[in-house]
PDB file of N, CA and C in Angstrom:
ATOM      1  N   MET A   1      34.430 197.014  17.802  1.00  0.00           N
ATOM      2  CA  MET A   1      34.374 196.044  16.921  1.00  0.00           C
ATOM      3  C   MET A   1      32.973 195.195  17.201  1.00  0.00           C
ATOM      4  N   THR A   2      31.962 195.069  16.394  1.00  0.00           N
ATOM      5  CA  THR A   2      30.713 194.357  16.537  1.00  0.00           C
ATOM      6  C   THR A   2      30.788 192.908  16.748  1.00  0.00           C
ATOM      7  N   LYS A   3      29.681 192.481  17.087  1.00  0.00           N
ATOM      8  CA  LYS A   3      29.430 190.834  17.382  1.00  0.00           C
ATOM      9  C   LYS A   3      29.704 190.239  16.084  1.00  0.00           C
ATOM     10  N   ALA A   4      29.027 191.071  14.974  1.00  0.00           N
ATOM     11  CA  ALA A   4      29.040 190.294  13.717  1.00  0.00           C
ATOM     12  C   ALA A   4      30.734 190.155  13.127  1.00  0.00           C
ATOM     13  N   GLN A   5      31.253 191.408  13.267  1.00  0.00           N
ATOM     14  CA  GLN A   5      32.670 191.469  13.076  1.00  0.00           C
ATOM     15  C   GLN A   5      33.805 190.278  13.794  1.00  0.00           C
ATOM     16  N   GLN A   6      33.135 190.138  14.980  1.00  0.00           N
ATOM     17  CA  GLN A   6      33.962 189.324  15.571  1.00  0.00           C
ATOM     18  C   GLN A   6      33.973 187.925  15.224  1.00  0.00           C
ATOM     19  N   TYR A   7      32.561 187.445  14.837  1.00  0.00           N
ATOM     20  CA  TYR A   7      32.193 186.112  14.512  1.00  0.00           C
ATOM     21  C   TYR A   7      32.918 186.141  13.117  1.00  0.00           C
ATOM     22  N   GLU A   8      32.967 187.031  12.302  1.00  0.00           N
ATOM     23  CA  GLU A   8      33.412 187.047  10.853  1.00  0.00           C
ATOM     24  C   GLU A   8      34.697 186.633  10.822  1.00  0.00           C
ATOM     25  N   ARG A   9      35.579 187.304  12.022  1.00  0.00           N
ATOM     26  CA  ARG A   9      36.871 187.263  11.997  1.00  0.00           C
ATOM     27  C   ARG A   9      37.419 185.877  12.571  1.00  0.00           C
ATOM     28  N   TYR A  10      36.469 185.536  13.641  1.00  0.00           N
ATOM     29  CA  TYR A  10      36.716 184.252  14.370  1.00  0.00           C
ATOM     30  C   TYR A  10      36.660 183.077  13.188  1.00  0.00           C
ATOM     31  N   THR A  11      35.320 182.795  12.133  1.00  0.00           N
ATOM     32  CA  THR A  11      35.319 181.858  11.651  1.00  0.00           C
ATOM     33  C   THR A  11      36.342 181.634  10.209  1.00  0.00           C
ATOM     34  N   SER A  12      36.516 183.272   9.830  1.00  0.00           N
ATOM     35  CA  SER A  12      37.627 183.354   8.651  1.00  0.00           C
ATOM     36  C   SER A  12      38.944 182.874   8.894  1.00  0.00           C
ATOM     37  N   LYS A  13      39.595 182.751  10.054  1.00  0.00           N
ATOM     38  CA  LYS A  13      40.499 182.321  10.759  1.00  0.00           C
ATOM     39  C   LYS A  13      40.803 180.936  10.739  1.00  0.00           C
ATOM     40  N   GLY A  14      39.345 180.175  10.518  1.00  0.00           N
ATOM     41  CA  GLY A  14      39.335 178.561  10.726  1.00  0.00           C
ATOM     42  C   GLY A  14      39.305 178.183  12.194  1.00  0.00           C
ATOM     43  N   LEU A  15      38.983 178.880  13.084  1.00  0.00           N
ATOM     44  CA  LEU A  15      38.799 178.762  14.330  1.00  0.00           C
ATOM     45  C   LEU A  15      37.428 177.747  14.530  1.00  0.00           C
ATOM     46  N   ALA A  16      36.586 178.149  14.077  1.00  0.00           N
ATOM     47  CA  ALA A  16      35.417 177.428  14.568  1.00  0.00           C
ATOM     48  C   ALA A  16      35.568 175.959  14.031  1.00  0.00           C
ATOM     49  N   PRO A  17      35.901 175.542  13.150  1.00  0.00           N
ATOM     50  CA  PRO A  17      36.176 174.028  12.523  1.00  0.00           C
ATOM     51  C   PRO A  17      36.869 173.244  13.267  1.00  0.00           C
ATOM     52  N   ALA A  18      37.856 173.900  14.091  1.00  0.00           N
ATOM     53  CA  ALA A  18      38.790 172.971  14.988  1.00  0.00           C
ATOM     54  C   ALA A  18      37.973 172.891  16.153  1.00  0.00           C
ATOM     55  N   ARG A  19      37.511 173.740  16.576  1.00  0.00           N
ATOM     56  CA  ARG A  19      36.824 173.423  17.977  1.00  0.00           C
ATOM     57  C   ARG A  19      35.552 172.448  17.929  1.00  0.00           C
ATOM     58  N   GLN A  20      34.790 172.515  16.539  1.00  0.00           N
ATOM     59  CA  GLN A  20      33.781 171.585  16.495  1.00  0.00           C
ATOM     60  C   GLN A  20      34.310 170.409  16.181  1.00  0.00           C
ATOM     61  N   ARG A  21      35.511 170.190  15.812  1.00  0.00           N
ATOM     62  CA  ARG A  21      35.858 168.776  15.420  1.00  0.00           C
ATOM     63  C   ARG A  21      36.426 168.264  17.166  1.00  0.00           C
ATOM     64  N   THR A  22      37.000 169.255  17.947  1.00  0.00           N
ATOM     65  CA  THR A  22      37.529 168.750  19.065  1.00  0.00           C
ATOM     66  C   THR A  22      36.141 168.614  19.737  1.00  0.00           C
ATOM     67  N   GLY A  23      35.105 169.088  19.798  1.00  0.00           N
ATOM     68  CA  GLY A  23      33.891 169.010  20.515  1.00  0.00           C
ATOM     69  C   GLY A  23      33.459 167.275  20.077  1.00  0.00           C
ATOM     70  N   LEU A  24      33.412 167.210  18.734  1.00  0.00           N
ATOM     71  CA  LEU A  24      33.137 165.772  18.400  1.00  0.00           C
ATOM     72  C   LEU A  24      33.854 164.816  18.880  1.00  0.00           C
ATOM     73  N   VAL A  25      35.045 165.022  19.139  1.00  0.00           N
ATOM     74  CA  VAL A  25      36.261 164.077  19.553  1.00  0.00           C
ATOM     75  C   VAL A  25      35.880 163.668  21.013  1.00  0.00           C
ATOM     76  N   TYR A  26      35.308 164.988  21.721  1.00  0.00           N
ATOM     77  CA  TYR A  26      35.014 164.820  23.138  1.00  0.00           C
ATOM     78  C   TYR A  26      33.769 163.957  23.275  1.00  0.00           C
ATOM     79  N   LEU A  27      32.763 164.251  22.406  1.00  0.00           N
ATOM     80  CA  LEU A  27      31.338 163.618  22.723  1.00  0.00           C
ATOM     81  C   LEU A  27      31.906 161.971  22.226  1.00  0.00           C
ATOM     82  N   LEU A  28      32.852 161.838  21.065  1.00  0.00           N
ATOM     83  CA  LEU A  28      32.701 160.231  20.933  1.00  0.00           C
ATOM     84  C   LEU A  28      33.275 159.446  22.002  1.00  0.00           C
ATOM     85  N   VAL A  29      34.452 160.274  22.711  1.00  0.00           N
ATOM     86  CA  VAL A  29      35.021 159.401  23.680  1.00  0.00           C
ATOM     87  C   VAL A  29      34.457 159.443  24.967  1.00  0.00           C
ATOM     88  N   GLY A  30      33.606 160.356  25.228  1.00  0.00           N
ATOM     89  CA  GLY A  30      32.640 160.224  26.553  1.00  0.00           C
ATOM     90  C   GLY A  30      31.497 159.246  26.159  1.00  0.00           C
ATOM     91  N   GLY A  31      31.089 158.973  24.954  1.00  0.00           N
ATOM     92  CA  GLY A  31      30.081 157.891  24.635  1.00  0.00           C
ATOM     93  C   GLY A  31      30.787 156.641  24.833  1.00  0.00           C
ATOM     94  N   GLY A  32      32.010 156.467  24.516  1.00  0.00           N
ATOM     95  CA  GLY A  32      32.863 155.017  24.404  1.00  0.00           C
ATOM     96  C   GLY A  32      33.019 154.841  25.847  1.00  0.00           C
ATOM     97  N   VAL A  33      33.528 155.774  26.772  1.00  0.00           N
ATOM     98  CA  VAL A  33      33.635 155.849  28.243  1.00  0.00           C
ATOM     99  C   VAL A  33      32.128 155.406  28.778  1.00  0.00           C
ATOM    100  N   GLY A  34      31.255 156.002  28.622  1.00  0.00           N
ATOM    101  CA  GLY A  34      29.775 155.568  29.168  1.00  0.00           C
ATOM    102  C   GLY A  34      29.426 154.543  28.902  1.00  0.00           C
ATOM    103  N   GLY A  35      29.641 153.727  27.710  1.00  0.00           N
ATOM    104  CA  GLY A  35      29.156 152.643  27.052  1.00  0.00           C
ATOM    105  C   GLY A  35      30.083 151.357  28.048  1.00  0.00           C
ATOM    106  N   VAL A  36      31.370 151.768  28.088  1.00  0.00           N
ATOM    107  CA  VAL A  36      31.966 150.710  28.943  1.00  0.00           C
ATOM    108  C   VAL A  36      31.573 150.557  30.197  1.00  0.00           C
ATOM    109  N   LEU A  37      31.137 152.043  31.051  1.00  0.00           N
ATOM    110  CA  LEU A  37      30.838 151.838  32.311  1.00  0.00           C
ATOM    111  C   LEU A  37      29.380 151.539  32.305  1.00  0.00           C
ATOM    112  N   ALA A  38      28.642 151.250  31.385  1.00  0.00           N
ATOM    113  CA  ALA A  38      27.283 150.750  31.442  1.00  0.00           C
ATOM    114  C   ALA A  38      27.361 149.198  31.280  1.00  0.00           C
ATOM    115  N   LEU A  39      28.462 148.719  30.617  1.00  0.00           N
ATOM    116  CA  LEU A  39      28.665 147.534  30.659  1.00  0.00           C
ATOM    117  C   LEU A  39      29.236 146.788  31.746  1.00  0.00           C
ATOM    118  N   LEU A  40      30.043 147.272  32.495  1.00  0.00           N
ATOM    119  CA  LEU A  40      30.723 147.354  33.810  1.00  0.00           C
ATOM    120  C   LEU A  40      29.412 146.987  34.764  1.00  0.00           C
ATOM    121  N   PHE A  41      28.741 147.771  34.708  1.00  0.00           N
ATOM    122  CA  PHE A  41      27.812 147.837  36.190  1.00  0.00           C
ATOM    123  C   PHE A  41      26.325 147.350  35.423  1.00  0.00           C
ATOM    124  N   ALA A  42      26.361 146.689  34.511  1.00  0.00           N
ATOM    125  CA  ALA A  42      24.996 146.067  34.123  1.00  0.00           C
ATOM    126  C   ALA A  42      25.140 144.586  35.200  1.00  0.00           C
ATOM    127  N   PRO A  43      23.792 144.400  35.478  1.00  0.00           N
ATOM    128  CA  PRO A  43      23.503 143.231  36.105  1.00  0.00           C
ATOM    129  C   PRO A  43      23.780 141.774  35.422  1.00  0.00           C
ATOM    130  N   LYS A  44      25.004 141.378  34.974  1.00  0.00           N
ATOM    131  CA  LYS A  44      25.322 139.837  34.393  1.00  0.00           C
ATOM    132  C   LYS A  44      26.272 139.468  35.048  1.00  0.00           C
ATOM    133  N   PRO A  45      26.429 137.962  34.578  1.00  0.00           N
ATOM    134  CA  PRO A  45      27.565 137.562  35.235  1.00  0.00           C
ATOM    135  C   PRO A  45      28.693 137.715  34.689  1.00  0.00           C
ATOM    136  N   GLY A  46      29.847 137.619  35.489  1.00  0.00           N
ATOM    137  CA  GLY A  46      31.484 137.809  34.995  1.00  0.00           C
ATOM    138  C   GLY A  46      31.658 137.530  33.289  1.00  0.00           C
ATOM    139  N   ALA A  47      31.493 135.985  33.022  1.00  0.00           N
ATOM    140  CA  ALA A  47      31.668 135.410  32.112  1.00  0.00           C
ATOM    141  C   ALA A  47      30.790 135.830  30.918  1.00  0.00           C
ATOM    142  N   ASP A  48      29.502 136.479  31.079  1.00  0.00           N
ATOM    143  CA  ASP A  48      29.088 137.069  29.909  1.00  0.00           C
ATOM    144  C   ASP A  48      28.998 138.281  29.649  1.00  0.00           C
ATOM    145  N   LEU A  49      29.820 138.962  30.711  1.00  0.00           N
ATOM    146  CA  LEU A  49      30.018 140.296  30.413  1.00  0.00           C
ATOM    147  C   LEU A  49      31.476 140.296  29.743  1.00  0.00           C
ATOM    148  N   ARG A  50      32.426 139.463  29.989  1.00  0.00           N
ATOM    149  CA  ARG A  50      33.601 139.464  29.420  1.00  0.00           C
ATOM    150  C   ARG A  50      33.324 139.029  27.909  1.00  0.00           C
ATOM    151  N   HIS A  51      32.558 138.129  27.656  1.00  0.00           N
ATOM    152  CA  HIS A  51      32.123 137.695  26.299  1.00  0.00           C
ATOM    153  C   HIS A  51      31.478 138.638  25.460  1.00  0.00           C
ATOM    154  N   ASP A  52      30.920 139.727  26.227  1.00  0.00           N
ATOM    155  CA  ASP A  52      30.170 140.864  25.356  1.00  0.00           C
ATOM    156  C   ASP A  52      30.976 141.774  25.016  1.00  0.00           C
ATOM    157  N   ILE A  53      31.907 142.052  25.909  1.00  0.00           N
ATOM    158  CA  ILE A  53      33.276 143.068  25.761  1.00  0.00           C
ATOM    159  C   ILE A  53      33.740 142.674  24.660  1.00  0.00           C
ATOM    160  N   SER A  54      34.411 141.295  24.604  1.00  0.00           N
ATOM    161  CA  SER A  54      35.208 140.692  23.587  1.00  0.00           C
ATOM    162  C   SER A  54      34.558 140.950  22.352  1.00  0.00           C
ATOM    163  N   ASP A  55      33.220 140.438  22.067  1.00  0.00           N
ATOM    164  CA  ASP A  55      32.456 140.851  21.056  1.00  0.00           C
ATOM    165  C   ASP A  55      32.169 142.557  20.566  1.00  0.00           C
ATOM    166  N   ARG A  56      31.942 142.984  21.266  1.00  0.00           N
ATOM    167  CA  ARG A  56      32.261 144.489  20.718  1.00  0.00           C
ATOM    168  C   ARG A  56      33.487 144.979  20.567  1.00  0.00           C
ATOM    169  N   SER A  57      34.422 144.736  21.384  1.00  0.00           N
ATOM    170  CA  SER A  57      36.003 145.049  20.872  1.00  0.00           C
ATOM    171  C   SER A  57      36.403 144.553  19.655  1.00  0.00           C
ATOM    172  N   ALA A  58      35.990 143.473  19.500  1.00  0.00           N
ATOM    173  CA  ALA A  58      36.391 142.781  18.211  1.00  0.00           C
ATOM    174  C   ALA A  58      35.588 143.346  17.079  1.00  0.00           C
ATOM    175  N   GLY A  59      34.133 143.736  17.138  1.00  0.00           N
ATOM    176  CA  GLY A  59      33.713 144.260  16.108  1.00  0.00           C
ATOM    177  C   GLY A  59      34.122 146.136  15.966  1.00  0.00           C
ATOM    178  N   LEU A  60      34.613 146.364  16.985  1.00  0.00           N
ATOM    179  CA  LEU A  60      34.942 147.748  16.701  1.00  0.00           C
ATOM    180  C   LEU A  60      36.313 148.063  16.535  1.00  0.00           C
ATOM    181  N   PHE A  61      37.235 147.033  16.490  1.00  0.00           N
ATOM    182  CA  PHE A  61      38.448 146.702  15.981  1.00  0.00           C
ATOM    183  C   PHE A  61      38.245 146.872  14.585  1.00  0.00           C
ATOM    184  N   SER A  62      37.678 145.710  13.822  1.00  0.00           N
ATOM    185  CA  SER A  62      37.463 145.545  12.583  1.00  0.00           C
ATOM    186  C   SER A  62      36.781 146.450  11.936  1.00  0.00           C
ATOM    187  N   THR A  63      36.067 147.568  12.548  1.00  0.00           N
ATOM    188  CA  THR A  63      35.569 148.647  11.918  1.00  0.00           C
ATOM    189  C   THR A  63      36.549 149.768  11.802  1.00  0.00           C
ATOM    190  N   VAL A  64      37.260 149.680  12.725  1.00  0.00           N
ATOM    191  CA  VAL A  64      38.374 150.836  12.730  1.00  0.00           C
ATOM    192  C   VAL A  64      39.489 150.464  11.566  1.00  0.00           C
ATOM    193  N   LYS A  65      39.952 148.960  11.485  1.00  0.00           N
ATOM    194  CA  LYS A  65      40.902 148.721  10.636  1.00  0.00           C
ATOM    195  C   LYS A  65      40.246 148.838   9.286  1.00  0.00           C
ATOM    196  N   GLU A  66      39.117 148.737   8.822  1.00  0.00           N
ATOM    197  CA  GLU A  66      38.495 148.596   7.557  1.00  0.00           C
ATOM    198  C   GLU A  66      38.276 150.161   6.943  1.00  0.00           C
ATOM    199  N   LYS A  67      38.168 151.249   8.203  1.00  0.00           N
ATOM    200  CA  LYS A  67      38.118 152.805   7.828  1.00  0.00           C
ATOM    201  C   LYS A  67      39.601 153.348   7.572  1.00  0.00           C
ATOM    202  N   THR A  68      40.857 152.618   8.223  1.00  0.00           N
ATOM    203  CA  THR A  68      42.023 152.894   8.259  1.00  0.00           C
ATOM    204  C   THR A  68      42.503 152.602   6.904  1.00  0.00           C
ATOM    205  N   ASP A  69      41.993 151.257   6.606  1.00  0.00           N
ATOM    206  CA  ASP A  69      42.498 151.008   5.182  1.00  0.00           C
ATOM    207  C   ASP A  69      42.010 151.658   4.022  1.00  0.00           C
ATOM    208  N   ARG A  70      40.520 152.191   4.207  1.00  0.00           N
ATOM    209  CA  ARG A  70      40.052 152.964   3.261  1.00  0.00           C
ATOM    210  C   ARG A  70      40.727 154.329   2.995  1.00  0.00           C
ATOM    211  N   VAL A  71      41.054 154.935   4.172  1.00  0.00           N
ATOM    212  CA  VAL A  71      41.798 156.333   4.266  1.00  0.00           C
ATOM    213  C   VAL A  71      43.126 156.087   3.601  1.00  0.00           C
ATOM    214  N   TYR A  72      44.064 154.820   3.847  1.00  0.00           N
ATOM    215  CA  TYR A  72      45.209 154.730   3.320  1.00  0.00           C
ATOM    216  C   TYR A  72      44.981 154.631   1.805  1.00  0.00           C
ATOM    217  N   ASP A  73      44.114 153.914   1.445  1.00  0.00           N
ATOM    218  CA  ASP A  73      44.090 153.719   0.053  1.00  0.00           C
ATOM    219  C   ASP A  73      43.581 154.965  -0.817  1.00  0.00           C
ATOM    220  N   LEU A  74      42.774 155.862  -0.174  1.00  0.00           N
ATOM    221  CA  LEU A  74      42.388 157.210  -0.476  1.00  0.00           C
ATOM    222  C   LEU A  74      43.674 158.081  -0.595  1.00  0.00           C
ATOM    223  N   GLY A  75      44.605 158.019   0.380  1.00  0.00           N
ATOM    224  CA  GLY A  75      45.933 158.646   0.574  1.00  0.00           C
ATOM    225  C   GLY A  75      46.845 158.090  -0.625  1.00  0.00           C
ATOM    226  N   GLU A  76      46.732 157.055  -0.760  1.00  0.00           N
ATOM    227  CA  GLU A  76      47.817 156.643  -2.076  1.00  0.00           C
ATOM    228  C   GLU A  76      47.133 156.802  -3.390  1.00  0.00           C
ATOM    229  N   ASN A  77      45.713 156.830  -3.630  1.00  0.00           N
ATOM    230  CA  ASN A  77      45.401 157.559  -4.735  1.00  0.00           C
ATOM    231  C   ASN A  77      45.470 158.767  -5.128  1.00  0.00           C
ATOM    232  N   ILE A  78      45.458 159.382  -3.764  1.00  0.00           N
ATOM    233  CA  ILE A  78      45.724 161.116  -4.078  1.00  0.00           C
ATOM    234  C   ILE A  78      47.048 161.150  -4.374  1.00  0.00           C
ATOM    235  N   SER A  79      48.107 160.689  -3.548  1.00  0.00           N
ATOM    236  CA  SER A  79      49.438 160.886  -4.117  1.00  0.00           C
ATOM    237  C   SER A  79      49.601 160.440  -5.662  1.00  0.00           C
ATOM    238  N   GLY A  80      49.070 159.397  -5.843  1.00  0.00           N
ATOM    239  CA  GLY A  80      49.188 159.036  -7.428  1.00  0.00           C
ATOM    240  C   GLY A  80      48.863 160.087  -8.265  1.00  0.00           C
ATOM    241  N   ALA A  81      47.707 160.695  -8.199  1.00  0.00           N
ATOM    242  CA  ALA A  81      47.281 161.655  -9.083  1.00  0.00           C
ATOM    243  C   ALA A  81      47.999 162.630  -8.729  1.00  0.00           C
ATOM    244  N   MET A  82      48.665 163.277  -7.640  1.00  0.00           N
ATOM    245  CA  MET A  82      49.594 164.025  -7.625  1.00  0.00           C
ATOM    246  C   MET A  82      50.909 164.047  -8.619  1.00  0.00           C
ATOM    247  N   ASP A  83      51.458 162.551  -8.232  1.00  0.00           N
ATOM    248  CA  ASP A  83      52.582 161.998  -9.258  1.00  0.00           C
ATOM    249  C   ASP A  83      52.210 162.496 -10.812  1.00  0.00           C
ATOM    250  N   ASP A  84      51.106 161.975 -11.032  1.00  0.00           N
ATOM    251  CA  ASP A  84      50.503 161.960 -12.559  1.00  0.00           C
ATOM    252  C   ASP A  84      50.806 163.505 -13.072  1.00  0.00           C
ATOM    253  N   SER A  85      50.136 164.471 -12.043  1.00  0.00           N
ATOM    254  CA  SER A  85      49.986 166.044 -12.329  1.00  0.00           C
ATOM    255  C   SER A  85      51.132 166.503 -12.227  1.00  0.00           C
ATOM    256  N   GLN A  86      52.186 166.104 -11.774  1.00  0.00           N
ATOM    257  CA  GLN A  86      53.553 166.743 -11.682  1.00  0.00           C
ATOM    258  C   GLN A  86      54.289 166.009 -12.948  1.00  0.00           C
ATOM    259  N   ARG A  87      53.966 165.030 -13.418  1.00  0.00           N
ATOM    260  CA  ARG A  87      54.826 164.351 -14.532  1.00  0.00           C
ATOM    261  C   ARG A  87      54.332 165.320 -15.577  1.00  0.00           C
ATOM    262  N   LEU A  88      52.837 165.302 -15.670  1.00  0.00           N
ATOM    263  CA  LEU A  88      52.188 166.024 -16.911  1.00  0.00           C
ATOM    264  C   LEU A  88      52.671 167.396 -16.680  1.00  0.00           C
ATOM    265  N   THR A  89      52.945 168.069 -15.691  1.00  0.00           N
ATOM    266  CA  THR A  89      53.367 169.672 -15.704  1.00  0.00           C
ATOM    267  C   THR A  89      54.572 169.466 -16.301  1.00  0.00           C
ATOM    268  N   LEU A  90      55.635 168.738 -15.846  1.00  0.00           N
ATOM    269  CA  LEU A  90      57.147 168.754 -16.153  1.00  0.00           C
ATOM    270  C   LEU A  90      57.193 168.568 -17.732  1.00  0.00           C
ATOM    271  N   THR A  91      55.992 167.530 -18.370  1.00  0.00           N
ATOM    272  CA  THR A  91      56.069 167.172 -19.869  1.00  0.00           C
ATOM    273  C   THR A  91      55.511 168.535 -20.449  1.00  0.00           C
ATOM    274  N   ARG A  92      54.645 169.221 -20.125  1.00  0.00           N
ATOM    275  CA  ARG A  92      54.212 170.329 -20.811  1.00  0.00           C
ATOM    276  C   ARG A  92      55.237 171.502 -20.969  1.00  0.00           C
ATOM    277  N   ARG A  93      55.910 171.623 -19.576  1.00  0.00           N
ATOM    278  CA  ARG A  93      57.169 172.537 -19.715  1.00  0.00           C
ATOM    279  C   ARG A  93      58.375 172.322 -20.551  1.00  0.00           C
ATOM    280  N   SER A  94      58.288 170.823 -20.636  1.00  0.00           N
ATOM    281  CA  SER A  94      59.839 170.686 -21.356  1.00  0.00           C
ATOM    282  C   SER A  94      59.358 170.444 -22.705  1.00  0.00           C
ATOM    283  N   GLY A  95      58.352 170.758 -23.326  1.00  0.00           N
ATOM    284  CA  GLY A  95      57.848 170.915 -24.823  1.00  0.00           C
ATOM    285  C   GLY A  95      57.454 169.732 -25.313  1.00  0.00           C
ATOM    286  N   GLY A  96      57.112 168.786 -24.258  1.00  0.00           N
ATOM    287  CA  GLY A  96      56.793 167.395 -25.190  1.00  0.00           C
ATOM    288  C   GLY A  96      57.551 166.333 -24.684  1.00  0.00           C
ATOM    289  N   ARG A  97      58.898 166.519 -24.032  1.00  0.00           N
ATOM    290  CA  ARG A  97      59.675 165.268 -23.878  1.00  0.00           C
ATOM    291  C   ARG A  97      58.924 164.698 -22.634  1.00  0.00           C
ATOM    292  N   LYS A  98      59.482 163.424 -22.573  1.00  0.00           N
ATOM    293  CA  LYS A  98      58.963 162.623 -21.234  1.00  0.00           C
ATOM    294  C   LYS A  98      59.446 163.234 -20.388  1.00  0.00           C
ATOM    295  N   ALA A  99      58.777 162.680 -19.121  1.00  0.00           N
ATOM    296  CA  ALA A  99      59.172 163.629 -17.893  1.00  0.00           C
ATOM    297  C   ALA A  99      60.318 162.626 -17.168  1.00  0.00           C
ATOM    298  N   SER A 100      60.131 161.385 -17.781  1.00  0.00           N
ATOM    299  CA  SER A 100      61.497 160.476 -16.919  1.00  0.00           C
ATOM    300  C   SER A 100      62.725 161.202 -17.579  1.00  0.00           C
ATOM    301  N   SER A 101      62.696 161.396 -18.724  1.00  0.00           N
ATOM    302  CA  SER A 101      64.141 162.307 -19.651  1.00  0.00           C
ATOM    303  C   SER A 101      64.471 163.428 -18.677  1.00  0.00           C
ATOM    304  N   ILE A 102      63.706 164.157 -18.066  1.00  0.00           N
ATOM    305  CA  ILE A 102      63.675 165.279 -17.779  1.00  0.00           C
ATOM    306  C   ILE A 102      64.486 165.249 -16.408  1.00  0.00           C
ATOM    307  N   VAL A 103      63.739 164.315 -15.680  1.00  0.00           N
ATOM    308  CA  VAL A 103      64.357 164.182 -14.124  1.00  0.00           C
ATOM    309  C   VAL A 103      65.307 163.175 -14.099  1.00  0.00           C
TER     310      VAL A 103
END
C-alpha cells in the first residue's frame, strides 16, 4: 500500500479530524495551565494576584456561559426544525391530513 493510499484510508475513516480536535484541546488546556502558572509566579503581592485571578475567572465563566447558552439555543432550533420536518413528512404521507390526527 502506497503512502497516498494510506493517507486516503486514514482521512476517509474520519480519523484525522478527531486527532486534530484532540490536539486543539491539548493546546487550549496547556495554554490555560501556562497562564495560571504565569500568574502564580508573577512578582505581585498576594491580594493583587487573587484579585486578578478572580477577575479573569469571572470573565472566563461568563464567556463559557454565553457560549453554552448559544449552543443550547442552536440545539433547540435544530430540534424544532427536525420536529417540523417530521410533521411535514407525516402530513405528506397521510395525504394532507394533519399530523396530530395521525399520531
